Amino acid sequence: MDEDSPKIDIDYVAKLARIELTDDEKTKFSSQLGDILKYFKKLNEVDVSGVEPMAHAFPVYNVWQEDTPEPGFTTEEALLNSPAIRNNHVVVPKVVGDA
């Protein structure tokens, strides 16, 4: 890392992410995170006075399409790839134990 790179506690970051890193990965990711933070520092220097906060670069309007019924699968088509079927239902393993 050069002198402009911020000090990153990569062990702390890895712990927060609940991942284990090798020493090589720690070196690599520490450098990459440092580069990302330097870029954010550079972005902070941009004058944004007069720019309204926005969620999208372009205006986004209601993009929902009309909810119209359309033909769907028949029961036979819907159950075609099911591993097990009983009374037109998919049979799955029991997931709730006895209490």
PDB file of N, CA and C in Angstrom:
ATOM      1  N   MET A   1       0.844  -1.188   0.000  1.00  0.00           N
ATOM      2  CA  MET A   1       0.000   0.000   0.000  1.00  0.00           C
ATOM      3  C   MET A   1       0.879   1.238   0.000  1.00  0.00           C
ATOM      4  N   ASP A   2       0.431   2.262  -0.719  1.00  0.00           N
ATOM      5  CA  ASP A   2       1.198   3.500  -0.702  1.00  0.00           C
ATOM      6  C   ASP A   2       0.717   4.395   0.439  1.00  0.00           C
ATOM      7  N   GLU A   3       1.360   5.560   0.573  1.00  0.00           N
ATOM      8  CA  GLU A   3       1.047   6.399   1.726  1.00  0.00           C
ATOM      9  C   GLU A   3      -0.348   7.025   1.663  1.00  0.00           C
ATOM     10  N   ASP A   4      -0.967   7.099   0.459  1.00  0.00           N
ATOM     11  CA  ASP A   4      -2.320   7.649   0.340  1.00  0.00           C
ATOM     12  C   ASP A   4      -3.392   6.646   0.740  1.00  0.00           C
ATOM     13  N   SER A   5      -3.029   5.371   0.776  1.00  0.00           N
ATOM     14  CA  SER A   5      -4.016   4.348   1.098  1.00  0.00           C
ATOM     15  C   SER A   5      -4.372   4.389   2.573  1.00  0.00           C
ATOM     16  N   PRO A   6      -5.680   4.328   2.873  1.00  0.00           N
ATOM     17  CA  PRO A   6      -6.086   4.309   4.278  1.00  0.00           C
ATOM     18  C   PRO A   6      -5.731   2.975   4.914  1.00  0.00           C
ATOM     19  N   LYS A   7      -5.533   2.989   6.223  1.00  0.00           N
ATOM     20  CA  LYS A   7      -5.228   1.761   6.966  1.00  0.00           C
ATOM     21  C   LYS A   7      -6.516   0.972   7.119  1.00  0.00           C
ATOM     22  N   ILE A   8      -6.503  -0.271   6.674  1.00  0.00           N
ATOM     23  CA  ILE A   8      -7.692  -1.115   6.721  1.00  0.00           C
ATOM     24  C   ILE A   8      -7.398  -2.314   7.607  1.00  0.00           C
ATOM     25  N   ASP A   9      -8.259  -2.542   8.579  1.00  0.00           N
ATOM     26  CA  ASP A   9      -8.148  -3.722   9.432  1.00  0.00           C
ATOM     27  C   ASP A   9      -8.892  -4.855   8.727  1.00  0.00           C
ATOM     28  N   ILE A  10      -8.181  -5.540   7.836  1.00  0.00           N
ATOM     29  CA  ILE A  10      -8.809  -6.562   7.004  1.00  0.00           C
ATOM     30  C   ILE A  10      -9.340  -7.727   7.839  1.00  0.00           C
ATOM     31  N   ASP A  11      -8.711  -8.011   8.980  1.00  0.00           N
ATOM     32  CA  ASP A  11      -9.212  -9.075   9.851  1.00  0.00           C
ATOM     33  C   ASP A  11     -10.588  -8.710  10.403  1.00  0.00           C
ATOM     34  N   TYR A  12     -10.769  -7.448  10.772  1.00  0.00           N
ATOM     35  CA  TYR A  12     -12.053  -6.975  11.289  1.00  0.00           C
ATOM     36  C   TYR A  12     -13.125  -7.047  10.191  1.00  0.00           C
ATOM     37  N   VAL A  13     -12.769  -6.615   8.980  1.00  0.00           N
ATOM     38  CA  VAL A  13     -13.707  -6.644   7.863  1.00  0.00           C
ATOM     39  C   VAL A  13     -14.102  -8.084   7.548  1.00  0.00           C
ATOM     40  N   ALA A  14     -13.130  -8.990   7.548  1.00  0.00           N
ATOM     41  CA  ALA A  14     -13.414 -10.402   7.279  1.00  0.00           C
ATOM     42  C   ALA A  14     -14.314 -10.983   8.362  1.00  0.00           C
ATOM     43  N   LYS A  15     -14.099 -10.579   9.603  1.00  0.00           N
ATOM     44  CA  LYS A  15     -14.939 -11.061  10.701  1.00  0.00           C
ATOM     45  C   LYS A  15     -16.374 -10.573  10.530  1.00  0.00           C
ATOM     46  N   LEU A  16     -16.535  -9.299  10.144  1.00  0.00           N
ATOM     47  CA  LEU A  16     -17.873  -8.762   9.906  1.00  0.00           C
ATOM     48  C   LEU A  16     -18.574  -9.515   8.777  1.00  0.00           C
ATOM     49  N   ALA A  17     -17.805  -9.881   7.750  1.00  0.00           N
ATOM     50  CA  ALA A  17     -18.366 -10.596   6.605  1.00  0.00           C
ATOM     51  C   ALA A  17     -18.485 -12.094   6.867  1.00  0.00           C
ATOM     52  N   ARG A  18     -17.958 -12.525   8.019  1.00  0.00           N
ATOM     53  CA  ARG A  18     -17.978 -13.940   8.406  1.00  0.00           C
ATOM     54  C   ARG A  18     -17.322 -14.821   7.343  1.00  0.00           C
ATOM     55  N   ILE A  19     -16.148 -14.379   6.892  1.00  0.00           N
ATOM     56  CA  ILE A  19     -15.373 -15.168   5.941  1.00  0.00           C
ATOM     57  C   ILE A  19     -13.961 -15.351   6.479  1.00  0.00           C
ATOM     58  N   GLU A  20     -13.355 -16.440   6.093  1.00  0.00           N
ATOM     59  CA  GLU A  20     -11.963 -16.691   6.452  1.00  0.00           C
ATOM     60  C   GLU A  20     -11.102 -16.391   5.237  1.00  0.00           C
ATOM     61  N   LEU A  21     -10.014 -15.660   5.447  1.00  0.00           N
ATOM     62  CA  LEU A  21      -9.121 -15.287   4.359  1.00  0.00           C
ATOM     63  C   LEU A  21      -7.722 -15.826   4.616  1.00  0.00           C
ATOM     64  N   THR A  22      -7.087 -16.265   3.541  1.00  0.00           N
ATOM     65  CA  THR A  22      -5.680 -16.653   3.646  1.00  0.00           C
ATOM     66  C   THR A  22      -4.852 -15.368   3.704  1.00  0.00           C
ATOM     67  N   ASP A  23      -3.568 -15.508   4.023  1.00  0.00           N
ATOM     68  CA  ASP A  23      -2.701 -14.331   4.074  1.00  0.00           C
ATOM     69  C   ASP A  23      -2.609 -13.657   2.709  1.00  0.00           C
ATOM     70  N   ASP A  24      -2.563 -14.467   1.630  1.00  0.00           N
ATOM     71  CA  ASP A  24      -2.516 -13.897   0.279  1.00  0.00           C
ATOM     72  C   ASP A  24      -3.798 -13.123  -0.032  1.00  0.00           C
ATOM     73  N   GLU A  25      -4.946 -13.685   0.365  1.00  0.00           N
ATOM     74  CA  GLU A  25      -6.220 -13.002   0.135  1.00  0.00           C
ATOM     75  C   GLU A  25      -6.297 -11.718   0.947  1.00  0.00           C
ATOM     76  N   LYS A  26      -5.795 -11.747   2.181  1.00  0.00           N
ATOM     77  CA  LYS A  26      -5.804 -10.541   3.008  1.00  0.00           C
ATOM     78  C   LYS A  26      -5.012  -9.426   2.344  1.00  0.00           C
ATOM     79  N   THR A  27      -3.853  -9.758   1.811  1.00  0.00           N
ATOM     80  CA  THR A  27      -3.013  -8.764   1.138  1.00  0.00           C
ATOM     81  C   THR A  27      -3.722  -8.218  -0.098  1.00  0.00           C
ATOM     82  N   LYS A  28      -4.266  -9.127  -0.897  1.00  0.00           N
ATOM     83  CA  LYS A  28      -4.943  -8.736  -2.137  1.00  0.00           C
ATOM     84  C   LYS A  28      -6.171  -7.871  -1.849  1.00  0.00           C
ATOM     85  N   PHE A  29      -7.040  -8.336  -0.943  1.00  0.00           N
ATOM     86  CA  PHE A  29      -8.281  -7.616  -0.675  1.00  0.00           C
ATOM     87  C   PHE A  29      -8.030  -6.311   0.067  1.00  0.00           C
ATOM     88  N   SER A  30      -7.029  -6.267   0.912  1.00  0.00           N
ATOM     89  CA  SER A  30      -6.692  -5.031   1.608  1.00  0.00           C
ATOM     90  C   SER A  30      -6.303  -3.964   0.598  1.00  0.00           C
ATOM     91  N   SER A  31      -5.523  -4.355  -0.395  1.00  0.00           N
ATOM     92  CA  SER A  31      -5.114  -3.426  -1.442  1.00  0.00           C
ATOM     93  C   SER A  31      -6.325  -2.973  -2.251  1.00  0.00           C
ATOM     94  N   GLN A  32      -7.200  -3.916  -2.608  1.00  0.00           N
ATOM     95  CA  GLN A  32      -8.381  -3.576  -3.397  1.00  0.00           C
ATOM     96  C   GLN A  32      -9.332  -2.652  -2.620  1.00  0.00           C
ATOM     97  N   LEU A  33      -9.542  -2.951  -1.347  1.00  0.00           N
ATOM     98  CA  LEU A  33     -10.394  -2.086  -0.526  1.00  0.00           C
ATOM     99  C   LEU A  33      -9.787  -0.695  -0.391  1.00  0.00           C
ATOM    100  N   GLY A  34      -8.478  -0.637  -0.263  1.00  0.00           N
ATOM    101  CA  GLY A  34      -7.792   0.651  -0.196  1.00  0.00           C
ATOM    102  C   GLY A  34      -8.008   1.462  -1.457  1.00  0.00           C
ATOM    103  N   ASP A  35      -7.946   0.794  -2.613  1.00  0.00           N
ATOM    104  CA  ASP A  35      -8.184   1.484  -3.886  1.00  0.00           C
ATOM    105  C   ASP A  35      -9.616   2.006  -3.967  1.00  0.00           C
ATOM    106  N   ILE A  36     -10.564   1.212  -3.487  1.00  0.00           N
ATOM    107  CA  ILE A  36     -11.968   1.633  -3.497  1.00  0.00           C
ATOM    108  C   ILE A  36     -12.155   2.855  -2.604  1.00  0.00           C
ATOM    109  N   LEU A  37     -11.552   2.827  -1.416  1.00  0.00           N
ATOM    110  CA  LEU A  37     -11.687   3.964  -0.495  1.00  0.00           C
ATOM    111  C   LEU A  37     -11.013   5.215  -1.053  1.00  0.00           C
ATOM    112  N   LYS A  38      -9.891   5.048  -1.765  1.00  0.00           N
ATOM    113  CA  LYS A  38      -9.242   6.199  -2.402  1.00  0.00           C
ATOM    114  C   LYS A  38     -10.165   6.801  -3.455  1.00  0.00           C
ATOM    115  N   TYR A  39     -10.882   5.939  -4.188  1.00  0.00           N
ATOM    116  CA  TYR A  39     -11.801   6.429  -5.208  1.00  0.00           C
ATOM    117  C   TYR A  39     -12.948   7.209  -4.562  1.00  0.00           C
ATOM    118  N   PHE A  40     -13.469   6.715  -3.433  1.00  0.00           N
ATOM    119  CA  PHE A  40     -14.517   7.458  -2.725  1.00  0.00           C
ATOM    120  C   PHE A  40     -13.990   8.805  -2.249  1.00  0.00           C
ATOM    121  N   LYS A  41     -12.744   8.832  -1.805  1.00  0.00           N
ATOM    122  CA  LYS A  41     -12.143  10.091  -1.373  1.00  0.00           C
ATOM    123  C   LYS A  41     -12.097  11.069  -2.549  1.00  0.00           C
ATOM    124  N   LYS A  42     -11.772  10.544  -3.727  1.00  0.00           N
ATOM    125  CA  LYS A  42     -11.729  11.376  -4.930  1.00  0.00           C
ATOM    126  C   LYS A  42     -13.139  11.870  -5.288  1.00  0.00           C
ATOM    127  N   LEU A  43     -14.142  10.996  -5.144  1.00  0.00           N
ATOM    128  CA  LEU A  43     -15.524  11.397  -5.434  1.00  0.00           C
ATOM    129  C   LEU A  43     -16.014  12.466  -4.470  1.00  0.00           C
ATOM    130  N   ASN A  44     -15.540  12.447  -3.235  1.00  0.00           N
ATOM    131  CA  ASN A  44     -15.938  13.450  -2.244  1.00  0.00           C
ATOM    132  C   ASN A  44     -15.448  14.843  -2.616  1.00  0.00           C
ATOM    133  N   GLU A  45     -14.472  14.934  -3.502  1.00  0.00           N
ATOM    134  CA  GLU A  45     -13.936  16.228  -3.918  1.00  0.00           C
ATOM    135  C   GLU A  45     -14.800  16.888  -4.996  1.00  0.00           C
ATOM    136  N   VAL A  46     -15.737  16.152  -5.567  1.00  0.00           N
ATOM    137  CA  VAL A  46     -16.583  16.687  -6.635  1.00  0.00           C
ATOM    138  C   VAL A  46     -17.602  17.658  -6.051  1.00  0.00           C
ATOM    139  N   ASP A  47     -17.745  18.817  -6.699  1.00  0.00           N
ATOM    140  CA  ASP A  47     -18.706  19.822  -6.253  1.00  0.00           C
ATOM    141  C   ASP A  47     -20.106  19.402  -6.693  1.00  0.00           C
ATOM    142  N   VAL A  48     -20.953  19.091  -5.737  1.00  0.00           N
ATOM    143  CA  VAL A  48     -22.317  18.657  -6.044  1.00  0.00           C
ATOM    144  C   VAL A  48     -23.351  19.671  -5.556  1.00  0.00           C
ATOM    145  N   SER A  49     -22.898  20.876  -5.278  1.00  0.00           N
ATOM    146  CA  SER A  49     -23.853  21.895  -4.848  1.00  0.00           C
ATOM    147  C   SER A  49     -24.816  22.168  -6.006  1.00  0.00           C
ATOM    148  N   GLY A  50     -26.081  22.258  -5.687  1.00  0.00           N
ATOM    149  CA  GLY A  50     -27.084  22.491  -6.724  1.00  0.00           C
ATOM    150  C   GLY A  50     -27.581  21.213  -7.381  1.00  0.00           C
ATOM    151  N   VAL A  51     -27.066  20.075  -6.975  1.00  0.00           N
ATOM    152  CA  VAL A  51     -27.528  18.803  -7.536  1.00  0.00           C
ATOM    153  C   VAL A  51     -28.465  18.164  -6.526  1.00  0.00           C
ATOM    154  N   GLU A  52     -29.703  17.902  -6.971  1.00  0.00           N
ATOM    155  CA  GLU A  52     -30.674  17.292  -6.074  1.00  0.00           C
ATOM    156  C   GLU A  52     -30.355  15.815  -5.870  1.00  0.00           C
ATOM    157  N   PRO A  53     -30.508  15.329  -4.638  1.00  0.00           N
ATOM    158  CA  PRO A  53     -30.321  13.895  -4.411  1.00  0.00           C
ATOM    159  C   PRO A  53     -31.354  13.104  -5.204  1.00  0.00           C
ATOM    160  N   MET A  54     -30.933  11.963  -5.735  1.00  0.00           N
ATOM    161  CA  MET A  54     -31.855  11.148  -6.509  1.00  0.00           C
ATOM    162  C   MET A  54     -31.484   9.675  -6.371  1.00  0.00           C
ATOM    163  N   ALA A  55     -32.444   8.833  -6.603  1.00  0.00           N
ATOM    164  CA  ALA A  55     -32.214   7.395  -6.518  1.00  0.00           C
ATOM    165  C   ALA A  55     -31.787   6.819  -7.863  1.00  0.00           C
ATOM    166  N   HIS A  56     -32.122   7.515  -8.945  1.00  0.00           N
ATOM    167  CA  HIS A  56     -31.800   7.026 -10.289  1.00  0.00           C
ATOM    168  C   HIS A  56     -31.218   8.170 -11.110  1.00  0.00           C
ATOM    169  N   ALA A  57     -30.393   7.821 -12.081  1.00  0.00           N
ATOM    170  CA  ALA A  57     -29.790   8.832 -12.935  1.00  0.00           C
ATOM    171  C   ALA A  57     -30.832   9.500 -13.831  1.00  0.00           C
ATOM    172  N   PHE A  58     -31.873   8.766 -14.188  1.00  0.00           N
ATOM    173  CA  PHE A  58     -32.939   9.287 -15.022  1.00  0.00           C
ATOM    174  C   PHE A  58     -34.256   9.169 -14.260  1.00  0.00           C
ATOM    175  N   PRO A  59     -35.209  10.041 -14.556  1.00  0.00           N
ATOM    176  CA  PRO A  59     -36.496   9.946 -13.854  1.00  0.00           C
ATOM    177  C   PRO A  59     -37.146   8.575 -14.084  1.00  0.00           C
ATOM    178  N   VAL A  60     -37.659   7.998 -13.036  1.00  0.00           N
ATOM    179  CA  VAL A  60     -38.329   6.708 -13.142  1.00  0.00           C
ATOM    180  C   VAL A  60     -39.779   6.922 -12.737  1.00  0.00           C
ATOM    181  N   TYR A  61     -40.651   6.537 -13.617  1.00  0.00           N
ATOM    182  CA  TYR A  61     -42.072   6.671 -13.353  1.00  0.00           C
ATOM    183  C   TYR A  61     -42.635   5.284 -13.072  1.00  0.00           C
ATOM    184  N   ASN A  62     -43.897   5.234 -12.730  1.00  0.00           N
ATOM    185  CA  ASN A  62     -44.525   3.960 -12.439  1.00  0.00           C
ATOM    186  C   ASN A  62     -44.323   3.019 -13.626  1.00  0.00           C
ATOM    187  N   VAL A  63     -43.583   1.980 -13.386  1.00  0.00           N
ATOM    188  CA  VAL A  63     -43.248   1.050 -14.462  1.00  0.00           C
ATOM    189  C   VAL A  63     -44.055  -0.237 -14.372  1.00  0.00           C
ATOM    190  N   TRP A  64     -45.054  -0.247 -13.492  1.00  0.00           N
ATOM    191  CA  TRP A  64     -45.865  -1.456 -13.370  1.00  0.00           C
ATOM    192  C   TRP A  64     -46.747  -1.604 -14.589  1.00  0.00           C
ATOM    193  N   GLN A  65     -46.794  -2.810 -15.083  1.00  0.00           N
ATOM    194  CA  GLN A  65     -47.691  -3.053 -16.203  1.00  0.00           C
ATOM    195  C   GLN A  65     -49.066  -3.433 -15.672  1.00  0.00           C
ATOM    196  N   GLU A  66     -50.043  -3.303 -16.517  1.00  0.00           N
ATOM    197  CA  GLU A  66     -51.404  -3.630 -16.133  1.00  0.00           C
ATOM    198  C   GLU A  66     -51.485  -5.101 -15.740  1.00  0.00           C
ATOM    199  N   ASP A  67     -52.169  -5.370 -14.658  1.00  0.00           N
ATOM    200  CA  ASP A  67     -52.312  -6.741 -14.164  1.00  0.00           C
ATOM    201  C   ASP A  67     -53.529  -7.372 -14.835  1.00  0.00           C
ATOM    202  N   THR A  68     -53.269  -8.081 -15.930  1.00  0.00           N
ATOM    203  CA  THR A  68     -54.353  -8.709 -16.671  1.00  0.00           C
ATOM    204  C   THR A  68     -54.175 -10.215 -16.629  1.00  0.00           C
ATOM    205  N   PRO A  69     -55.265 -10.945 -16.447  1.00  0.00           N
ATOM    206  CA  PRO A  69     -55.151 -12.407 -16.422  1.00  0.00           C
ATOM    207  C   PRO A  69     -54.758 -12.951 -17.785  1.00  0.00           C
ATOM    208  N   GLU A  70     -53.904 -13.947 -17.761  1.00  0.00           N
ATOM    209  CA  GLU A  70     -53.464 -14.610 -18.988  1.00  0.00           C
ATOM    210  C   GLU A  70     -53.558 -16.106 -18.769  1.00  0.00           C
ATOM    211  N   PRO A  71     -53.654 -16.853 -19.842  1.00  0.00           N
ATOM    212  CA  PRO A  71     -53.719 -18.305 -19.676  1.00  0.00           C
ATOM    213  C   PRO A  71     -52.444 -18.823 -19.026  1.00  0.00           C
ATOM    214  N   GLY A  72     -52.607 -19.778 -18.124  1.00  0.00           N
ATOM    215  CA  GLY A  72     -51.451 -20.342 -17.430  1.00  0.00           C
ATOM    216  C   GLY A  72     -51.298 -21.824 -17.744  1.00  0.00           C
ATOM    217  N   PHE A  73     -50.568 -22.503 -16.867  1.00  0.00           N
ATOM    218  CA  PHE A  73     -50.371 -23.929 -17.037  1.00  0.00           C
ATOM    219  C   PHE A  73     -51.618 -24.699 -16.632  1.00  0.00           C
ATOM    220  N   THR A  74     -51.813 -25.830 -17.263  1.00  0.00           N
ATOM    221  CA  THR A  74     -52.818 -26.756 -16.770  1.00  0.00           C
ATOM    222  C   THR A  74     -52.232 -27.439 -15.544  1.00  0.00           C
ATOM    223  N   THR A  75     -53.072 -28.080 -14.759  1.00  0.00           N
ATOM    224  CA  THR A  75     -52.591 -28.802 -13.580  1.00  0.00           C
ATOM    225  C   THR A  75     -51.551 -29.840 -13.982  1.00  0.00           C
ATOM    226  N   GLU A  76     -51.814 -30.554 -15.068  1.00  0.00           N
ATOM    227  CA  GLU A  76     -50.877 -31.583 -15.524  1.00  0.00           C
ATOM    228  C   GLU A  76     -49.527 -30.979 -15.915  1.00  0.00           C
ATOM    229  N   GLU A  77     -49.547 -29.834 -16.605  1.00  0.00           N
ATOM    230  CA  GLU A  77     -48.298 -29.175 -17.004  1.00  0.00           C
ATOM    231  C   GLU A  77     -47.519 -28.677 -15.785  1.00  0.00           C
ATOM    232  N   ALA A  78     -48.245 -28.129 -14.807  1.00  0.00           N
ATOM    233  CA  ALA A  78     -47.596 -27.592 -13.616  1.00  0.00           C
ATOM    234  C   ALA A  78     -46.937 -28.698 -12.798  1.00  0.00           C
ATOM    235  N   LEU A  79     -47.503 -29.886 -12.800  1.00  0.00           N
ATOM    236  CA  LEU A  79     -46.980 -30.987 -11.997  1.00  0.00           C
ATOM    237  C   LEU A  79     -46.044 -31.895 -12.779  1.00  0.00           C
ATOM    238  N   LEU A  80     -45.787 -31.568 -14.030  1.00  0.00           N
ATOM    239  CA  LEU A  80     -45.021 -32.433 -14.913  1.00  0.00           C
ATOM    240  C   LEU A  80     -43.642 -32.807 -14.364  1.00  0.00           C
ATOM    241  N   ASN A  81     -42.909 -31.875 -13.772  1.00  0.00           N
ATOM    242  CA  ASN A  81     -41.547 -32.139 -13.289  1.00  0.00           C
ATOM    243  C   ASN A  81     -41.477 -32.415 -11.791  1.00  0.00           C
ATOM    244  N   SER A  82     -42.613 -32.583 -11.157  1.00  0.00           N
ATOM    245  CA  SER A  82     -42.631 -32.851  -9.720  1.00  0.00           C
ATOM    246  C   SER A  82     -42.117 -34.252  -9.431  1.00  0.00           C
ATOM    247  N   PRO A  83     -41.290 -34.395  -8.401  1.00  0.00           N
ATOM    248  CA  PRO A  83     -40.766 -35.723  -8.085  1.00  0.00           C
ATOM    249  C   PRO A  83     -41.839 -36.671  -7.563  1.00  0.00           C
ATOM    250  N   ALA A  84     -42.846 -36.134  -6.866  1.00  0.00           N
ATOM    251  CA  ALA A  84     -43.929 -36.969  -6.352  1.00  0.00           C
ATOM    252  C   ALA A  84     -45.211 -36.145  -6.345  1.00  0.00           C
ATOM    253  N   ILE A  85     -46.332 -36.811  -6.705  1.00  0.00           N
ATOM    254  CA  ILE A  85     -47.622 -36.130  -6.800  1.00  0.00           C
ATOM    255  C   ILE A  85     -48.665 -36.969  -6.064  1.00  0.00           C
ATOM    256  N   ARG A  86     -49.574 -36.289  -5.320  1.00  0.00           N
ATOM    257  CA  ARG A  86     -50.694 -36.967  -4.666  1.00  0.00           C
ATOM    258  C   ARG A  86     -51.890 -36.020  -4.706  1.00  0.00           C
ATOM    259  N   ASN A  87     -53.002 -36.462  -5.267  1.00  0.00           N
ATOM    260  CA  ASN A  87     -54.227 -35.664  -5.367  1.00  0.00           C
ATOM    261  C   ASN A  87     -53.980 -34.295  -6.003  1.00  0.00           C
ATOM    262  N   ASN A  88     -53.244 -34.275  -7.098  1.00  0.00           N
ATOM    263  CA  ASN A  88     -52.910 -33.044  -7.832  1.00  0.00           C
ATOM    264  C   ASN A  88     -52.119 -32.035  -6.993  1.00  0.00           C
ATOM    265  N   HIS A  89     -51.328 -32.527  -6.037  1.00  0.00           N
ATOM    266  CA  HIS A  89     -50.449 -31.685  -5.232  1.00  0.00           C
ATOM    267  C   HIS A  89     -49.029 -32.234  -5.304  1.00  0.00           C
ATOM    268  N   VAL A  90     -48.054 -31.377  -5.161  1.00  0.00           N
ATOM    269  CA  VAL A  90     -46.657 -31.801  -5.098  1.00  0.00           C
ATOM    270  C   VAL A  90     -46.412 -32.354  -3.695  1.00  0.00           C
ATOM    271  N   VAL A  91     -45.815 -33.527  -3.609  1.00  0.00           N
ATOM    272  CA  VAL A  91     -45.496 -34.133  -2.319  1.00  0.00           C
ATOM    273  C   VAL A  91     -44.063 -33.751  -1.962  1.00  0.00           C
ATOM    274  N   VAL A  92     -43.889 -33.179  -0.761  1.00  0.00           N
ATOM    275  CA  VAL A  92     -42.558 -32.753  -0.306  1.00  0.00           C
ATOM    276  C   VAL A  92     -42.277 -33.391   1.038  1.00  0.00           C
ATOM    277  N   PRO A  93     -40.998 -33.472   1.430  1.00  0.00           N
ATOM    278  CA  PRO A  93     -40.680 -34.030   2.749  1.00  0.00           C
ATOM    279  C   PRO A  93     -41.258 -33.156   3.857  1.00  0.00           C
ATOM    280  N   LYS A  94     -41.596 -33.790   4.948  1.00  0.00           N
ATOM    281  CA  LYS A  94     -42.105 -33.071   6.121  1.00  0.00           C
ATOM    282  C   LYS A  94     -40.999 -32.156   6.664  1.00  0.00           C
ATOM    283  N   VAL A  95     -41.345 -30.890   6.914  1.00  0.00           N
ATOM    284  CA  VAL A  95     -40.348 -29.936   7.397  1.00  0.00           C
ATOM    285  C   VAL A  95     -40.626 -29.466   8.821  1.00  0.00           C
ATOM    286  N   VAL A  96     -41.758 -29.816   9.382  1.00  0.00           N
ATOM    287  CA  VAL A  96     -42.112 -29.421  10.741  1.00  0.00           C
ATOM    288  C   VAL A  96     -42.106 -30.667  11.610  1.00  0.00           C
ATOM    289  N   GLY A  97     -41.309 -30.634  12.670  1.00  0.00           N
ATOM    290  CA  GLY A  97     -41.208 -31.790  13.562  1.00  0.00           C
ATOM    291  C   GLY A  97     -42.345 -31.839  14.555  1.00  0.00           C
ATOM    292  N   ASP A  98     -42.466 -32.969  15.204  1.00  0.00           N
ATOM    293  CA  ASP A  98     -43.475 -33.115  16.240  1.00  0.00           C
ATOM    294  C   ASP A  98     -43.020 -32.353  17.486  1.00  0.00           C
ATOM    295  N   ALA A  99     -43.944 -31.635  18.086  1.00  0.00           N
ATOM    296  CA  ALA A  99     -43.592 -30.837  19.267  1.00  0.00           C
ATOM    297  C   ALA A  99     -43.925 -31.574  20.540  1.00  0.00           C
TER     298      ALA A  99
END
